[in-house]
C-alpha atoms as a PDB file:
ATOM      1  CA  MET A   1      74.894 107.614  90.768  1.00  0.00           C
ATOM      2  CA  PRO A   2      77.050 104.565  90.275  1.00  0.00           C
ATOM      3  CA  ASN A   3      80.684 104.980  89.533  1.00  0.00           C
ATOM      4  CA  SER A   4      81.204 104.699  85.838  1.00  0.00           C
ATOM      5  CA  MET A   5      84.869 103.750  85.829  1.00  0.00           C
ATOM      6  CA  PRO A   6      85.594 100.200  86.699  1.00  0.00           C
ATOM      7  CA  LEU A   7      87.110  99.813  89.977  1.00  0.00           C
ATOM      8  CA  ARG A   8      90.049  97.851  91.332  1.00  0.00           C
ATOM      9  CA  LEU A   9      90.807  97.184  94.951  1.00  0.00           C
ATOM     10  CA  VAL A  10      94.106  96.608  95.808  1.00  0.00           C
ATOM     11  CA  LEU A  11      94.766  94.950  99.510  1.00  0.00           C
ATOM     12  CA  ALA A  12      98.302  96.012 100.880  1.00  0.00           C
ATOM     13  CA  SER A  13      98.466  93.143 103.263  1.00  0.00           C
ATOM     14  CA  GLN A  14      99.516  89.298 103.046  1.00  0.00           C
ATOM     15  CA  SER A  15      96.586  88.687 105.733  1.00  0.00           C
ATOM     16  CA  PRO A  16      94.761  85.708 104.318  1.00  0.00           C
ATOM     17  CA  ALA A  17      91.939  86.676 107.278  1.00  0.00           C
ATOM     18  CA  ARG A  18      91.728  90.133 105.605  1.00  0.00           C
ATOM     19  CA  ARG A  19      91.257  88.831 102.160  1.00  0.00           C
ATOM     20  CA  LYS A  20      88.616  85.996 103.209  1.00  0.00           C
ATOM     21  CA  LEU A  21      86.571  88.817 105.088  1.00  0.00           C
ATOM     22  CA  LEU A  22      86.409  90.871 101.757  1.00  0.00           C
ATOM     23  CA  HIS A  23      85.776  87.956  99.797  1.00  0.00           C
ATOM     24  CA  ALA A  24      82.775  86.959 102.053  1.00  0.00           C
ATOM     25  CA  ALA A  25      81.560  90.509 101.423  1.00  0.00           C
ATOM     26  CA  GLY A  26      81.554  90.128  97.526  1.00  0.00           C
ATOM     27  CA  ILE A  27      84.862  91.842  96.987  1.00  0.00           C
ATOM     28  CA  GLU A  28      87.672  90.003  95.190  1.00  0.00           C
ATOM     29  CA  PRO A  29      90.963  92.458  95.816  1.00  0.00           C
ATOM     30  CA  ASP A  30      94.341  92.113  94.089  1.00  0.00           C
ATOM     31  CA  VAL A  31      96.959  91.596  96.751  1.00  0.00           C
ATOM     32  CA  LEU A  32     100.204  93.157  96.843  1.00  0.00           C
ATOM     33  CA  VAL A  33     102.398  93.092  99.776  1.00  0.00           C
ATOM     34  CA  SER A  34     103.903  96.606 101.158  1.00  0.00           C
ATOM     35  CA  GLY A  35     107.253  95.285 102.374  1.00  0.00           C
ATOM     36  CA  VAL A  36     107.202  98.002 105.166  1.00  0.00           C
ATOM     37  CA  ASP A  37     109.221  97.706 107.870  1.00  0.00           C
ATOM     38  CA  GLU A  38     106.699  97.959 110.863  1.00  0.00           C
ATOM     39  CA  SER A  39     109.455  98.111 113.428  1.00  0.00           C
ATOM     40  CA  GLN A  40     110.943 101.636 112.436  1.00  0.00           C
ATOM     41  CA  VAL A  41     107.176 103.244 113.740  1.00  0.00           C
ATOM     42  CA  VAL A  42     107.073 104.273 117.257  1.00  0.00           C
ATOM     43  CA  ALA A  43     103.850 105.945 118.860  1.00  0.00           C
ATOM     44  CA  ASP A  44     102.602 106.507 122.226  1.00  0.00           C
ATOM     45  CA  ARG A  45      98.770 105.676 121.430  1.00  0.00           C
ATOM     46  CA  ALA A  46      97.604 102.447 119.890  1.00  0.00           C
ATOM     47  CA  GLU A  47      95.441 104.397 117.573  1.00  0.00           C
ATOM     48  CA  ASP A  48      98.326 106.511 116.267  1.00  0.00           C
ATOM     49  CA  LEU A  49     100.549 103.466 115.673  1.00  0.00           C
ATOM     50  CA  CYS A  50      98.112 101.264 113.896  1.00  0.00           C
ATOM     51  CA  LEU A  51      96.686 104.103 111.462  1.00  0.00           C
ATOM     52  CA  GLU A  52     100.698 105.210 110.607  1.00  0.00           C
ATOM     53  CA  LEU A  53     101.276 101.624 109.888  1.00  0.00           C
ATOM     54  CA  ALA A  54      98.238 101.424 107.741  1.00  0.00           C
ATOM     55  CA  ARG A  55      99.255 104.723 106.102  1.00  0.00           C
ATOM     56  CA  MET A  56     102.775 103.475 105.343  1.00  0.00           C
ATOM     57  CA  LYS A  57     101.443 100.131 103.675  1.00  0.00           C
ATOM     58  CA  ALA A  58      98.871 101.526 101.550  1.00  0.00           C
ATOM     59  CA  GLN A  59     101.104 104.582 100.202  1.00  0.00           C
ATOM     60  CA  ALA A  60     104.012 102.009  99.695  1.00  0.00           C
ATOM     61  CA  VAL A  61     101.870 100.082  97.450  1.00  0.00           C
ATOM     62  CA  ALA A  62     100.198 102.904  95.875  1.00  0.00           C
ATOM     63  CA  ASP A  63     103.672 104.665  94.893  1.00  0.00           C
ATOM     64  CA  ARG A  64     104.409 101.530  92.863  1.00  0.00           C
ATOM     65  CA  LEU A  65     101.077 101.803  90.609  1.00  0.00           C
ATOM     66  CA  ARG A  66     100.271 104.010  87.923  1.00  0.00           C
ATOM     67  CA  PRO A  67      97.018 105.443  87.206  1.00  0.00           C
ATOM     68  CA  THR A  68      95.334 104.353  84.000  1.00  0.00           C
ATOM     69  CA  SER A  69      92.641 106.050  82.105  1.00  0.00           C
ATOM     70  CA  ASP A  70      90.194 102.970  81.966  1.00  0.00           C
ATOM     71  CA  GLU A  71      90.246 101.679  85.806  1.00  0.00           C
ATOM     72  CA  ARG A  72      90.069 103.616  89.082  1.00  0.00           C
ATOM     73  CA  THR A  73      92.524 101.897  91.475  1.00  0.00           C
ATOM     74  CA  LEU A  74      92.176 102.127  95.408  1.00  0.00           C
ATOM     75  CA  VAL A  75      94.882 100.885  97.587  1.00  0.00           C
ATOM     76  CA  LEU A  76      93.845  99.655 101.137  1.00  0.00           C
ATOM     77  CA  GLY A  77      96.358  99.172 103.932  1.00  0.00           C
ATOM     78  CA  CYS A  78      95.280  98.027 107.195  1.00  0.00           C
ATOM     79  CA  ASP A  79      97.130  97.257 110.542  1.00  0.00           C
ATOM     80  CA  SER A  80      95.961  96.174 113.865  1.00  0.00           C
ATOM     81  CA  VAL A  81      97.371  96.379 117.479  1.00  0.00           C
ATOM     82  CA  LEU A  82      95.858  95.351 120.874  1.00  0.00           C
ATOM     83  CA  ALA A  83      95.820  98.292 123.762  1.00  0.00           C
ATOM     84  CA  PHE A  84      96.055  96.584 126.876  1.00  0.00           C
ATOM     85  CA  ASP A  85      96.736  97.537 130.505  1.00  0.00           C
ATOM     86  CA  GLY A  86      98.529 100.652 129.229  1.00  0.00           C
ATOM     87  CA  GLU A  87     100.727  98.752 126.729  1.00  0.00           C
ATOM     88  CA  ILE A  88     100.520  98.557 122.839  1.00  0.00           C
ATOM     89  CA  LEU A  89     101.015  95.034 121.665  1.00  0.00           C
ATOM     90  CA  GLY A  90     101.370  93.695 118.178  1.00  0.00           C
ATOM     91  CA  LYS A  91     102.403  90.132 117.404  1.00  0.00           C
ATOM     92  CA  PRO A  92     104.256  88.406 120.219  1.00  0.00           C
ATOM     93  CA  ALA A  93     107.932  88.056 119.733  1.00  0.00           C
ATOM     94  CA  ASP A  94     108.143  84.408 120.281  1.00  0.00           C
ATOM     95  CA  THR A  95     106.339  81.516 122.436  1.00  0.00           C
ATOM     96  CA  ALA A  96     107.275  82.567 125.694  1.00  0.00           C
ATOM     97  CA  ASP A  97     106.004  86.165 124.872  1.00  0.00           C
ATOM     98  CA  ALA A  98     102.658  84.653 123.831  1.00  0.00           C
ATOM     99  CA  THR A  99     102.361  82.451 126.971  1.00  0.00           C
ATOM    100  CA  ARG A 100     103.162  85.616 129.076  1.00  0.00           C
ATOM    101  CA  ARG A 101     100.473  87.626 127.552  1.00  0.00           C
ATOM    102  CA  TRP A 102      97.933  85.322 127.852  1.00  0.00           C
ATOM    103  CA  GLY A 103      98.961  84.877 131.482  1.00  0.00           C
ATOM    104  CA  ARG A 104      98.235  88.566 131.888  1.00  0.00           C
ATOM    105  CA  MET A 105      95.209  88.967 129.550  1.00  0.00           C
ATOM    106  CA  ARG A 106      92.951  86.005 130.604  1.00  0.00           C
ATOM    107  CA  GLY A 107      89.785  87.119 132.434  1.00  0.00           C
ATOM    108  CA  ARG A 108      90.387  90.499 131.671  1.00  0.00           C
ATOM    109  CA  THR A 109      89.754  93.013 128.531  1.00  0.00           C
ATOM    110  CA  GLY A 110      91.491  94.873 126.027  1.00  0.00           C
ATOM    111  CA  VAL A 111      90.595  97.089 123.018  1.00  0.00           C
ATOM    112  CA  LEU A 112      91.724  95.899 119.462  1.00  0.00           C
ATOM    113  CA  HIS A 113      92.398  98.931 117.259  1.00  0.00           C
ATOM    114  CA  THR A 114      92.634  98.414 113.407  1.00  0.00           C
ATOM    115  CA  GLY A 115      93.901 101.379 111.415  1.00  0.00           C
ATOM    116  CA  HIS A 116      92.805 101.751 107.734  1.00  0.00           C
ATOM    117  CA  CYS A 117      93.808 103.939 104.995  1.00  0.00           C
ATOM    118  CA  LEU A 118      92.580 103.887 101.456  1.00  0.00           C
ATOM    119  CA  VAL A 119      94.327 105.535  98.673  1.00  0.00           C
ATOM    120  CA  ASP A 120      92.913 106.529  95.533  1.00  0.00           C
ATOM    121  CA  VAL A 121      95.761 106.244  93.052  1.00  0.00           C
ATOM    122  CA  VAL A 122      93.736 108.101  89.974  1.00  0.00           C
ATOM    123  CA  HIS A 123      92.948 111.149  91.969  1.00  0.00           C
ATOM    124  CA  GLU A 124      96.008 111.024  94.457  1.00  0.00           C
ATOM    125  CA  SER A 125      93.472 111.339  97.524  1.00  0.00           C
ATOM    126  CA  ARG A 126      93.697 109.495 100.720  1.00  0.00           C
ATOM    127  CA  VAL A 127      90.994 108.698 103.391  1.00  0.00           C
ATOM    128  CA  GLU A 128      91.864 107.144 106.723  1.00  0.00           C
ATOM    129  CA  ALA A 129      90.271 106.146 110.043  1.00  0.00           C
ATOM    130  CA  VAL A 130      90.643 103.696 112.779  1.00  0.00           C
ATOM    131  CA  ALA A 131      88.000 100.986 114.140  1.00  0.00           C
ATOM    132  CA  SER A 132      88.138  99.957 117.682  1.00  0.00           C
ATOM    133  CA  THR A 133      86.744  96.932 119.544  1.00  0.00           C
ATOM    134  CA  VAL A 134      86.573  95.849 123.302  1.00  0.00           C
ATOM    135  CA  VAL A 135      87.695  92.208 123.536  1.00  0.00           C
ATOM    136  CA  ARG A 136      86.856  90.316 126.749  1.00  0.00           C
ATOM    137  CA  PHE A 137      89.417  87.610 127.386  1.00  0.00           C
ATOM    138  CA  ALA A 138      87.975  84.073 128.944  1.00  0.00           C
ATOM    139  CA  ASP A 139      89.487  83.070 132.104  1.00  0.00           C
ATOM    140  CA  VAL A 140      91.420  80.261 130.381  1.00  0.00           C
ATOM    141  CA  THR A 141      93.593  77.517 132.247  1.00  0.00           C
ATOM    142  CA  ASP A 142      97.593  77.289 131.990  1.00  0.00           C
ATOM    143  CA  GLU A 143      96.859  74.013 130.034  1.00  0.00           C
ATOM    144  CA  GLU A 144      94.590  75.924 127.584  1.00  0.00           C
ATOM    145  CA  VAL A 145      97.239  78.745 127.068  1.00  0.00           C
ATOM    146  CA  ALA A 146     100.097  76.136 126.627  1.00  0.00           C
ATOM    147  CA  ALA A 147      97.967  73.969 123.946  1.00  0.00           C
ATOM    148  CA  TYR A 148      96.880  77.247 122.005  1.00  0.00           C
ATOM    149  CA  VAL A 149     100.351  78.719 121.815  1.00  0.00           C
ATOM    150  CA  ALA A 150     101.824  75.387 120.647  1.00  0.00           C
ATOM    151  CA  THR A 151      99.595  75.649 117.614  1.00  0.00           C
ATOM    152  CA  GLY A 152     101.574  78.829 116.647  1.00  0.00           C
ATOM    153  CA  GLU A 153      98.508  80.858 115.741  1.00  0.00           C
ATOM    154  CA  PRO A 154      99.239  83.492 118.478  1.00  0.00           C
ATOM    155  CA  LEU A 155     102.490  84.168 116.915  1.00  0.00           C
ATOM    156  CA  ALA A 156     101.204  85.229 113.691  1.00  0.00           C
ATOM    157  CA  VAL A 157      98.527  87.918 114.851  1.00  0.00           C
ATOM    158  CA  ALA A 158      98.466  91.236 116.533  1.00  0.00           C
ATOM    159  CA  GLY A 159      97.468  90.435 120.297  1.00  0.00           C
ATOM    160  CA  ALA A 160      98.335  86.855 120.495  1.00  0.00           C
ATOM    161  CA  PHE A 161      94.572  85.860 119.556  1.00  0.00           C
ATOM    162  CA  THR A 162      92.223  85.422 116.883  1.00  0.00           C
ATOM    163  CA  ILE A 163      88.434  85.434 116.904  1.00  0.00           C
ATOM    164  CA  ASP A 164      87.800  83.656 113.483  1.00  0.00           C
ATOM    165  CA  GLY A 165      90.260  80.822 114.377  1.00  0.00           C
ATOM    166  CA  LEU A 166      91.245  78.602 117.429  1.00  0.00           C
ATOM    167  CA  GLY A 167      91.435  81.947 119.667  1.00  0.00           C
ATOM    168  CA  GLY A 168      87.764  82.440 119.168  1.00  0.00           C
ATOM    169  CA  ALA A 169      86.872  79.642 122.101  1.00  0.00           C
ATOM    170  CA  PHE A 170      89.063  81.713 124.382  1.00  0.00           C
ATOM    171  CA  LEU A 171      86.951  85.025 124.070  1.00  0.00           C
ATOM    172  CA  ASP A 172      84.096  85.566 126.130  1.00  0.00           C
ATOM    173  CA  GLY A 173      82.560  88.472 123.847  1.00  0.00           C
ATOM    174  CA  ILE A 174      83.434  91.532 122.348  1.00  0.00           C
ATOM    175  CA  GLU A 175      81.807  95.077 122.188  1.00  0.00           C
ATOM    176  CA  GLY A 176      82.055  96.413 118.554  1.00  0.00           C
ATOM    177  CA  ASP A 177      82.552  95.172 115.101  1.00  0.00           C
ATOM    178  CA  PRO A 178      84.245  91.721 114.817  1.00  0.00           C
ATOM    179  CA  GLY A 179      85.558  92.374 111.730  1.00  0.00           C
ATOM    180  CA  THR A 180      87.977  94.992 113.463  1.00  0.00           C
ATOM    181  CA  VAL A 181      89.310  92.201 115.587  1.00  0.00           C
ATOM    182  CA  ILE A 182      89.915  90.037 112.403  1.00  0.00           C
ATOM    183  CA  GLY A 183      91.826  92.960 110.764  1.00  0.00           C
ATOM    184  CA  LEU A 184      89.366  94.929 108.701  1.00  0.00           C
ATOM    185  CA  SER A 185      86.088  96.813 109.505  1.00  0.00           C
ATOM    186  CA  LEU A 186      83.544  96.550 106.649  1.00  0.00           C
ATOM    187  CA  PRO A 187      81.275  99.225 107.954  1.00  0.00           C
ATOM    188  CA  LEU A 188      84.338 101.492 107.985  1.00  0.00           C
ATOM    189  CA  LEU A 189      85.698 100.421 104.647  1.00  0.00           C
ATOM    190  CA  ARG A 190      82.086 101.471 103.538  1.00  0.00           C
ATOM    191  CA  ARG A 191      82.320 104.856 105.011  1.00  0.00           C
ATOM    192  CA  LEU A 192      85.719 105.414 103.529  1.00  0.00           C
ATOM    193  CA  LEU A 193      84.550 104.623 100.238  1.00  0.00           C
ATOM    194  CA  ARG A 194      81.511 107.120 100.660  1.00  0.00           C
ATOM    195  CA  ASP A 195      84.535 109.704 101.548  1.00  0.00           C
ATOM    196  CA  LEU A 196      85.910 109.424  97.984  1.00  0.00           C
ATOM    197  CA  GLY A 197      82.324 109.423  96.463  1.00  0.00           C
ATOM    198  CA  LEU A 198      81.957 105.702  96.126  1.00  0.00           C
ATOM    199  CA  SER A 199      79.787 102.896  97.112  1.00  0.00           C
ATOM    200  CA  ILE A 200      80.984  99.713  98.678  1.00  0.00           C
ATOM    201  CA  THR A 201      78.522  98.134  96.061  1.00  0.00           C
ATOM    202  CA  ASP A 202      80.653  99.540  93.123  1.00  0.00           C
ATOM    203  CA  LEU A 203      83.430  96.726  94.292  1.00  0.00           C
ATOM    204  CA  TRP A 204      80.885  93.889  94.063  1.00  0.00           C
ATOM    205  CA  ALA A 205      81.489  93.862  90.432  1.00  0.00           C
ATOM    206  CA  ARG A 206      85.026  92.538  91.088  1.00  0.00           C
ATOM    207  CA  VAL A 207      83.822  89.193  92.259  1.00  0.00           C
ATOM    208  CA  ALA A 208      85.538  86.220  90.170  1.00  0.00           C
ATOM    209  CA  PRO A 209      85.951  82.744  90.750  1.00  0.00           C
ATOM    210  CA  GLY A 210      89.442  81.227  91.475  1.00  0.00           C
ATOM    211  CA  ALA A 211      92.194  82.423  93.876  1.00  0.00           C
ATOM    212  CA  GLN A 212      94.740  85.080  92.954  1.00  0.00           C
ATOM    213  CA  GLU A 213      98.340  84.647  94.209  1.00  0.00           C
ATOM    214  CA  ILE A 214     100.015  87.190  96.590  1.00  0.00           C
ATOM    215  CA  GLN A 215     102.620  89.129  94.550  1.00  0.00           C
ATOM    216  CA  PRO A 216     105.443  90.608  96.907  1.00  0.00           C
ATOM    217  CA  LEU A 217     106.665  93.814  95.772  1.00  0.00           C
ATOM    218  CA  GLY A 218     110.278  95.234  95.819  1.00  0.00           C
END
């Protein structure tokens, strides 16, 4: 049976890549930035770290929302980290850090983990899971690394690379869902929605023309 109450999806992230991915899938979320201090979370496993951060982001936004009688609000928090050579890598600290990483990663493989946490504000319930995708890095040259780092793109993303931007040319391939590498797995989101008794098609009605501004909270 289709969901009888209109659904509102709130993305607890300012990532334009995540929002673009949702929009391409027929979903236009509202965007509220969580303001979570990611540096306060420490974990030994990449899967645990990204899931805890996703949970914190989703809950921080959900705590600022109030359920209404005419709309069911869902909050989606996501976070990505790269597991590489026994380390957990988020965003590089600076250009030197990004350059060092690429010097190590080229010609090798890592696993990009993205934690997903979906909070149902109305029913005060939560479902969560981690999606993981193996990434094979190309054996790029020093000159290519320098040029890529100079664009600034690696500094803004977990693992210092993208699959849907300039960095896509520096990957030899992946094993798994490309959305995980972008920062949001649509197949996993579909499964999480089903755990809440919903269908991803229930969100298609949210598609609307025009852009929405990011609204920071706090």
